[in-house]
C-alpha atoms as a PDB file:
ATOM      1  CA  GLN A   1     130.188  67.921 137.862  1.00  0.00           C
ATOM      2  CA  GLN A   2     132.951  70.649 138.421  1.00  0.00           C
ATOM      3  CA  PRO A   3     133.171  73.807 139.795  1.00  0.00           C
ATOM      4  CA  PRO A   4     131.817  76.543 137.884  1.00  0.00           C
ATOM      5  CA  ARG A   5     135.444  78.309 138.652  1.00  0.00           C
ATOM      6  CA  ARG A   6     137.383  74.830 136.824  1.00  0.00           C
ATOM      7  CA  GLN A   7     134.783  75.225 134.138  1.00  0.00           C
ATOM      8  CA  GLU A   8     135.918  78.457 133.202  1.00  0.00           C
ATOM      9  CA  GLU A   9     139.635  77.987 133.462  1.00  0.00           C
ATOM     10  CA  ALA A  10     139.056  74.557 131.289  1.00  0.00           C
ATOM     11  CA  LYS A  11     137.573  76.703 128.720  1.00  0.00           C
ATOM     12  CA  LYS A  12     139.950  79.168 129.188  1.00  0.00           C
ATOM     13  CA  ARG A  13     142.665  76.315 128.227  1.00  0.00           C
ATOM     14  CA  MET A  14     141.154  74.921 125.316  1.00  0.00           C
ATOM     15  CA  LEU A  15     140.951  78.288 123.531  1.00  0.00           C
ATOM     16  CA  SER A  16     144.357  78.990 123.853  1.00  0.00           C
ATOM     17  CA  VAL A  17     144.762  75.418 122.456  1.00  0.00           C
ATOM     18  CA  ALA A  18     142.717  76.223 119.642  1.00  0.00           C
ATOM     19  CA  ARG A  19     144.329  79.605 119.264  1.00  0.00           C
ATOM     20  CA  LEU A  20     148.159  77.559 118.860  1.00  0.00           C
ATOM     21  CA  ALA A  21     146.413  74.953 116.961  1.00  0.00           C
ATOM     22  CA  THR A  22     145.372  77.853 114.664  1.00  0.00           C
ATOM     23  CA  ILE A  23     148.917  79.703 113.947  1.00  0.00           C
ATOM     24  CA  GLY A  24     150.361  76.823 113.800  1.00  0.00           C
ATOM     25  CA  LEU A  25     152.683  76.680 116.929  1.00  0.00           C
ATOM     26  CA  LEU A  26     151.409  73.364 118.413  1.00  0.00           C
ATOM     27  CA  SER A  27     153.379  70.658 115.718  1.00  0.00           C
ATOM     28  CA  ARG A  28     151.183  67.561 114.378  1.00  0.00           C
ATOM     29  CA  GLY A  29     153.738  65.017 116.538  1.00  0.00           C
ATOM     30  CA  SER A  30     153.913  66.573 119.871  1.00  0.00           C
ATOM     31  CA  MET A  31     149.473  66.884 119.653  1.00  0.00           C
ATOM     32  CA  SER A  32     147.951  64.364 121.964  1.00  0.00           C
ATOM     33  CA  VAL A  33     144.783  62.158 121.489  1.00  0.00           C
ATOM     34  CA  ALA A  34     142.704  64.432 124.090  1.00  0.00           C
ATOM     35  CA  GLN A  35     143.832  67.568 122.461  1.00  0.00           C
ATOM     36  CA  PRO A  36     142.111  67.738 119.030  1.00  0.00           C
ATOM     37  CA  HIS A  37     138.592  67.429 120.997  1.00  0.00           C
ATOM     38  CA  ALA A  38     139.527  69.904 123.239  1.00  0.00           C
ATOM     39  CA  VAL A  39     140.206  72.110 119.943  1.00  0.00           C
ATOM     40  CA  CYS A  40     136.418  71.114 118.543  1.00  0.00           C
ATOM     41  CA  LEU A  41     135.348  71.890 122.294  1.00  0.00           C
ATOM     42  CA  ALA A  42     136.691  75.219 122.275  1.00  0.00           C
ATOM     43  CA  MET A  43     136.140  76.421 118.448  1.00  0.00           C
ATOM     44  CA  LYS A  44     132.059  75.318 119.619  1.00  0.00           C
ATOM     45  CA  ALA A  45     132.421  77.489 122.485  1.00  0.00           C
ATOM     46  CA  ARG A  46     133.275  80.378 120.370  1.00  0.00           C
ATOM     47  CA  ASN A  47     130.071  79.859 118.238  1.00  0.00           C
ATOM     48  CA  PRO A  48     127.989  77.758 120.596  1.00  0.00           C
ATOM     49  CA  ASN A  49     124.484  78.794 117.919  1.00  0.00           C
ATOM     50  CA  ASN A  50     126.624  77.282 114.943  1.00  0.00           C
ATOM     51  CA  LEU A  51     126.143  80.263 113.002  1.00  0.00           C
ATOM     52  CA  PRO A  52     127.336  79.870 109.623  1.00  0.00           C
ATOM     53  CA  GLU A  53     130.872  82.096 109.205  1.00  0.00           C
ATOM     54  CA  MET A  54     130.987  84.416 106.152  1.00  0.00           C
ATOM     55  CA  LYS A  55     133.679  83.236 104.281  1.00  0.00           C
ATOM     56  CA  ALA A  56     136.292  85.396 102.863  1.00  0.00           C
ATOM     57  CA  ARG A  57     136.224  86.244  99.133  1.00  0.00           C
ATOM     58  CA  ASN A  58     139.536  85.755  96.980  1.00  0.00           C
ATOM     59  CA  PRO A  59     140.434  88.939  95.770  1.00  0.00           C
ATOM     60  CA  ASN A  60     142.052  87.727  92.764  1.00  0.00           C
ATOM     61  CA  ASN A  61     138.548  86.081  91.944  1.00  0.00           C
ATOM     62  CA  LEU A  62     135.709  88.622  92.704  1.00  0.00           C
ATOM     63  CA  PRO A  63     132.270  88.707  90.534  1.00  0.00           C
ATOM     64  CA  GLU A  64     132.353  91.672  87.585  1.00  0.00           C
ATOM     65  CA  LYS A  65     129.472  93.299  86.041  1.00  0.00           C
ATOM     66  CA  VAL A  66     129.202  95.658  83.161  1.00  0.00           C
ATOM     67  CA  CYS A  67     127.562  99.573  84.173  1.00  0.00           C
ATOM     68  CA  VAL A  68     124.940 100.070  82.312  1.00  0.00           C
ATOM     69  CA  VAL A  69     125.684 103.922  81.884  1.00  0.00           C
ATOM     70  CA  CYS A  70     129.623 103.901  80.966  1.00  0.00           C
ATOM     71  CA  HIS A  71     129.766 100.094  80.038  1.00  0.00           C
ATOM     72  CA  ARG A  72     132.755  99.428  81.605  1.00  0.00           C
ATOM     73  CA  PRO A  73     133.420  96.521  84.069  1.00  0.00           C
ATOM     74  CA  PHE A  74     133.204  96.785  87.767  1.00  0.00           C
ATOM     75  CA  THR A  75     133.909  94.103  90.490  1.00  0.00           C
ATOM     76  CA  TRP A  76     132.717  93.011  93.500  1.00  0.00           C
ATOM     77  CA  ARG A  77     132.438  95.440  96.679  1.00  0.00           C
ATOM     78  CA  LYS A  78     132.128  95.077 100.557  1.00  0.00           C
ATOM     79  CA  LYS A  79     129.417  97.480 100.631  1.00  0.00           C
ATOM     80  CA  TRP A  80     127.269  95.990  97.744  1.00  0.00           C
ATOM     81  CA  GLU A  81     127.356  92.288  99.671  1.00  0.00           C
ATOM     82  CA  ARG A  82     123.760  92.677 100.222  1.00  0.00           C
ATOM     83  CA  CYS A  83     122.797  94.251  97.258  1.00  0.00           C
ATOM     84  CA  TRP A  84     124.923  92.838  94.253  1.00  0.00           C
ATOM     85  CA  ASP A  85     122.418  91.663  92.742  1.00  0.00           C
ATOM     86  CA  ASP A  86     120.672  94.702  92.283  1.00  0.00           C
ATOM     87  CA  VAL A  87     123.533  96.489  91.858  1.00  0.00           C
ATOM     88  CA  THR A  88     123.855  98.305  87.964  1.00  0.00           C
ATOM     89  CA  THR A  89     125.927 101.691  88.074  1.00  0.00           C
ATOM     90  CA  CYS A  90     129.629 101.556  89.014  1.00  0.00           C
ATOM     91  CA  SER A  91     129.476 104.743  91.088  1.00  0.00           C
ATOM     92  CA  LYS A  92     127.342 107.605  92.115  1.00  0.00           C
ATOM     93  CA  ARG A  93     127.972 109.690  89.083  1.00  0.00           C
ATOM     94  CA  CYS A  94     127.047 106.775  86.786  1.00  0.00           C
ATOM     95  CA  ASN A  95     123.972 106.397  89.115  1.00  0.00           C
ATOM     96  CA  ASN A  96     122.866 109.593  89.249  1.00  0.00           C
ATOM     97  CA  GLU A  97     123.118 109.944  85.229  1.00  0.00           C
ATOM     98  CA  ARG A  98     120.789 107.158  85.260  1.00  0.00           C
ATOM     99  CA  LYS A  99     118.397 108.888  87.318  1.00  0.00           C
ATOM    100  CA  ARG A 100     118.752 111.900  84.945  1.00  0.00           C
ATOM    101  CA  SER A 101     118.339 110.073  82.061  1.00  0.00           C
ATOM    102  CA  ASN A 102     115.129 108.457  83.316  1.00  0.00           C
ATOM    103  CA  ARG A 103     113.437 111.904  84.280  1.00  0.00           C
ATOM    104  CA  ILE A 104     114.345 113.060  81.122  1.00  0.00           C
ATOM    105  CA  ALA A 105     112.476 110.768  79.483  1.00  0.00           C
ATOM    106  CA  ARG A 106     109.417 110.455  81.421  1.00  0.00           C
ATOM    107  CA  GLY A 107     109.267 113.990  80.694  1.00  0.00           C
ATOM    108  CA  ALA A 108     109.259 113.705  77.466  1.00  0.00           C
ATOM    109  CA  ALA A 109     106.141 110.712  77.516  1.00  0.00           C
ATOM    110  CA  ASP A 110     104.528 113.330  79.612  1.00  0.00           C
ATOM    111  CA  ALA A 111     104.863 116.238  76.754  1.00  0.00           C
ATOM    112  CA  GLU A 112     103.556 112.990  74.622  1.00  0.00           C
ATOM    113  CA  GLY A 113     100.593 112.559  76.458  1.00  0.00           C
ATOM    114  CA  GLU A 114      99.710 116.012  76.686  1.00  0.00           C
ATOM    115  CA  ASP A 115     100.096 116.694  72.588  1.00  0.00           C
ATOM    116  CA  ALA A 116      97.897 114.037  71.955  1.00  0.00           C
ATOM    117  CA  MET A 117      95.175 115.254  74.473  1.00  0.00           C
ATOM    118  CA  PRO A 118      94.617 118.895  73.982  1.00  0.00           C
ATOM    119  CA  CYS A 119      91.304 119.254  74.285  1.00  0.00           C
ATOM    120  CA  ASP A 120      91.342 117.895  77.884  1.00  0.00           C
ATOM    121  CA  VAL A 121      94.472 119.645  78.942  1.00  0.00           C
ATOM    122  CA  SER A 122      93.175 123.185  78.085  1.00  0.00           C
ATOM    123  CA  SER A 123      89.602 122.351  79.723  1.00  0.00           C
ATOM    124  CA  ASP A 124      91.095 121.221  83.162  1.00  0.00           C
ATOM    125  CA  ALA A 125      93.497 124.404  82.764  1.00  0.00           C
ATOM    126  CA  SER A 126      90.367 126.250  82.754  1.00  0.00           C
ATOM    127  CA  ASP A 127      88.510 124.606  85.242  1.00  0.00           C
ATOM    128  CA  GLY A 128      91.417 124.654  87.745  1.00  0.00           C
ATOM    129  CA  ALA A 129      91.976 128.505  86.647  1.00  0.00           C
ATOM    130  CA  ALA A 130      88.179 129.359  87.799  1.00  0.00           C
ATOM    131  CA  GLU A 131      88.541 127.273  90.474  1.00  0.00           C
ATOM    132  CA  LYS A 132      91.385 128.947  91.474  1.00  0.00           C
ATOM    133  CA  ALA A 133      89.498 132.287  91.115  1.00  0.00           C
ATOM    134  CA  ASN A 134      86.523 132.038  93.071  1.00  0.00           C
ATOM    135  CA  LYS A 135      88.692 130.794  96.018  1.00  0.00           C
ATOM    136  CA  LYS A 136      90.540 134.147  95.616  1.00  0.00           C
ATOM    137  CA  ALA A 137      87.698 135.990  95.657  1.00  0.00           C
ATOM    138  CA  ALA A 138      86.403 134.298  98.459  1.00  0.00           C
ATOM    139  CA  LYS A 139      88.993 135.100 100.300  1.00  0.00           C
ATOM    140  CA  LYS A 140      89.107 138.853  99.205  1.00  0.00           C
ATOM    141  CA  ALA A 141      85.831 139.404 100.683  1.00  0.00           C
ATOM    142  CA  ALA A 142      86.255 137.478 103.954  1.00  0.00           C
ATOM    143  CA  LYS A 143      88.971 139.861 104.028  1.00  0.00           C
ATOM    144  CA  ALA A 144      87.105 143.071 103.635  1.00  0.00           C
ATOM    145  CA  GLU A 145      83.962 141.768 105.827  1.00  0.00           C
ATOM    146  CA  ARG A 146      86.967 141.767 108.888  1.00  0.00           C
ATOM    147  CA  ARG A 147      88.472 144.873 108.008  1.00  0.00           C
ATOM    148  CA  ALA A 148      84.884 146.296 108.397  1.00  0.00           C
ATOM    149  CA  ARG A 149      83.966 144.614 110.957  1.00  0.00           C
ATOM    150  CA  ARG A 150      87.226 145.971 112.999  1.00  0.00           C
ATOM    151  CA  GLU A 151      86.155 149.653 111.813  1.00  0.00           C
ATOM    152  CA  GLY A 152      82.920 149.447 113.161  1.00  0.00           C
ATOM    153  CA  VAL A 153      81.253 150.306 109.667  1.00  0.00           C
ATOM    154  CA  SER A 154      79.798 146.470 108.532  1.00  0.00           C
ATOM    155  CA  SER A 155      77.048 144.848 110.382  1.00  0.00           C
ATOM    156  CA  GLY A 156      77.972 141.194 109.903  1.00  0.00           C
ATOM    157  CA  GLY A 157      76.895 138.568 111.737  1.00  0.00           C
ATOM    158  CA  GLN A 158      73.370 139.735 111.896  1.00  0.00           C
ATOM    159  CA  LYS A 159      70.100 137.977 111.744  1.00  0.00           C
ATOM    160  CA  ALA A 160      66.531 139.175 110.022  1.00  0.00           C
ATOM    161  CA  CYS A 161      63.558 138.596 112.264  1.00  0.00           C
ATOM    162  CA  ASP A 162      61.521 136.058 110.570  1.00  0.00           C
ATOM    163  CA  LEU A 163      58.038 138.617 111.492  1.00  0.00           C
ATOM    164  CA  CYS A 164      59.319 142.109 110.668  1.00  0.00           C
ATOM    165  CA  ALA A 165      62.112 141.219 108.792  1.00  0.00           C
ATOM    166  CA  ARG A 166      64.473 143.617 110.432  1.00  0.00           C
ATOM    167  CA  SER A 167      68.637 142.355 110.889  1.00  0.00           C
ATOM    168  CA  VAL A 168      69.690 142.431 114.722  1.00  0.00           C
ATOM    169  CA  ASP A 169      72.334 140.840 116.983  1.00  0.00           C
ATOM    170  CA  LEU A 170      69.508 139.130 119.336  1.00  0.00           C
ATOM    171  CA  LEU A 171      66.903 136.540 118.550  1.00  0.00           C
ATOM    172  CA  ILE A 172      64.547 134.546 120.471  1.00  0.00           C
ATOM    173  CA  ARG A 173      63.811 131.403 119.547  1.00  0.00           C
ATOM    174  CA  CYS A 174      59.862 130.422 120.131  1.00  0.00           C
ATOM    175  CA  GLU A 175      56.686 128.815 118.591  1.00  0.00           C
ATOM    176  CA  ILE A 176      54.107 130.879 117.724  1.00  0.00           C
ATOM    177  CA  ASP A 177      51.563 128.583 116.463  1.00  0.00           C
ATOM    178  CA  ARG A 178      51.603 124.852 116.017  1.00  0.00           C
ATOM    179  CA  SER A 179      51.715 124.987 111.982  1.00  0.00           C
ATOM    180  CA  SER A 180      54.513 126.759 111.751  1.00  0.00           C
ATOM    181  CA  GLY A 181      56.952 125.449 113.756  1.00  0.00           C
ATOM    182  CA  TRP A 182      60.458 127.424 115.375  1.00  0.00           C
ATOM    183  CA  ARG A 183      60.941 131.082 114.573  1.00  0.00           C
ATOM    184  CA  MET A 184      63.420 133.163 115.161  1.00  0.00           C
ATOM    185  CA  VAL A 185      62.156 137.001 116.305  1.00  0.00           C
ATOM    186  CA  CYS A 186      63.771 140.036 117.820  1.00  0.00           C
ATOM    187  CA  GLY A 187      62.917 141.751 120.851  1.00  0.00           C
ATOM    188  CA  ARG A 188      60.492 144.148 119.518  1.00  0.00           C
ATOM    189  CA  CYS A 189      58.476 141.451 118.443  1.00  0.00           C
ATOM    190  CA  TRP A 190      58.807 139.203 121.085  1.00  0.00           C
ATOM    191  CA  LYS A 191      57.198 141.853 123.303  1.00  0.00           C
ATOM    192  CA  THR A 192      53.761 142.062 121.707  1.00  0.00           C
ATOM    193  CA  PRO A 193      50.849 140.147 123.033  1.00  0.00           C
ATOM    194  CA  ALA A 194      50.697 138.071 119.956  1.00  0.00           C
ATOM    195  CA  VAL A 195      54.022 136.382 120.949  1.00  0.00           C
ATOM    196  CA  ALA A 196      54.959 136.094 124.379  1.00  0.00           C
ATOM    197  CA  GLY A 197      54.065 139.710 125.777  1.00  0.00           C
ATOM    198  CA  GLY A 198      57.512 140.439 126.732  1.00  0.00           C
ATOM    199  CA  VAL A 199      57.674 137.111 129.359  1.00  0.00           C
ATOM    200  CA  PRO A 200      59.705 134.391 128.841  1.00  0.00           C
ATOM    201  CA  ASP A 201      57.219 131.552 129.473  1.00  0.00           C
ATOM    202  CA  GLY A 202      54.518 133.900 127.867  1.00  0.00           C
ATOM    203  CA  ASP A 203      51.529 135.866 129.645  1.00  0.00           C
ATOM    204  CA  GLY A 204      48.931 133.465 128.566  1.00  0.00           C
ATOM    205  CA  GLN A 205      47.182 135.204 125.805  1.00  0.00           C
ATOM    206  CA  ASN A 206      49.020 132.997 123.027  1.00  0.00           C
ATOM    207  CA  PRO A 207      48.364 129.558 124.277  1.00  0.00           C
ATOM    208  CA  ASN A 208      51.048 128.202 121.407  1.00  0.00           C
ATOM    209  CA  TYR A 209      53.967 130.079 122.347  1.00  0.00           C
ATOM    210  CA  ARG A 210      56.528 128.205 123.438  1.00  0.00           C
ATOM    211  CA  TYR A 211      60.043 129.219 124.632  1.00  0.00           C
ATOM    212  CA  GLY A 212      63.621 127.589 122.945  1.00  0.00           C
ATOM    213  CA  GLY A 213      66.312 129.668 123.696  1.00  0.00           C
ATOM    214  CA  LEU A 214      68.298 132.484 122.302  1.00  0.00           C
ATOM    215  CA  TRP A 215      70.353 133.569 119.444  1.00  0.00           C
ATOM    216  CA  LYS A 216      73.492 136.562 119.555  1.00  0.00           C
ATOM    217  CA  ASN A 217      75.996 137.571 117.611  1.00  0.00           C
ATOM    218  CA  LEU A 218      79.163 136.942 118.116  1.00  0.00           C
ATOM    219  CA  HIS A 219      80.378 139.189 115.810  1.00  0.00           C
ATOM    220  CA  ARG A 220      79.116 141.919 117.090  1.00  0.00           C
ATOM    221  CA  THR A 221      81.067 145.219 117.480  1.00  0.00           C
ATOM    222  CA  ALA A 222      81.465 147.600 120.253  1.00  0.00           C
END
């Protein structure tokens, strides 16, 4: 077992021998028996995982294809190394021309389909126009309501009392009898003896009364 420093020096010597053997400066007659083994070890040190090295292509014997647009032959290029099987055009200009022709063909096919079904297309167009008109009218109504609320003209957001049908900004949720369930009553009706007599828990004259909370108009204008 050699020290780490000597191991590093041995690796450096083997790498230098491998370089000399590669460039042909080391003659065959002067190479000893141990030197080829050193060259192999040096090459293994350069590629410890034994990964396959990329072979250089012969520039005089490159694969060729014919462009589908201009019908001219073109050769392999380095940028197409990983996608050479999918390449069909020789340049960006031909590629853009191919895409444009495909778009024109798809547009013509869609136009033929529309001509074949004119009734369906017209009905769909009418439905879309009606839906758009309804949305536009709803937006206009909401905008007018907001404007009127800012100006203090609109009474938007108010609710009607279940007993007197008067629109107010504050309602009391309560039970008056066991058969009708919950009701929303205004303050005037809530103060009557038939409901609660103005007492939150009831004045005792209506045994079926039960308090259930308040409702306030949050859109009320000052």
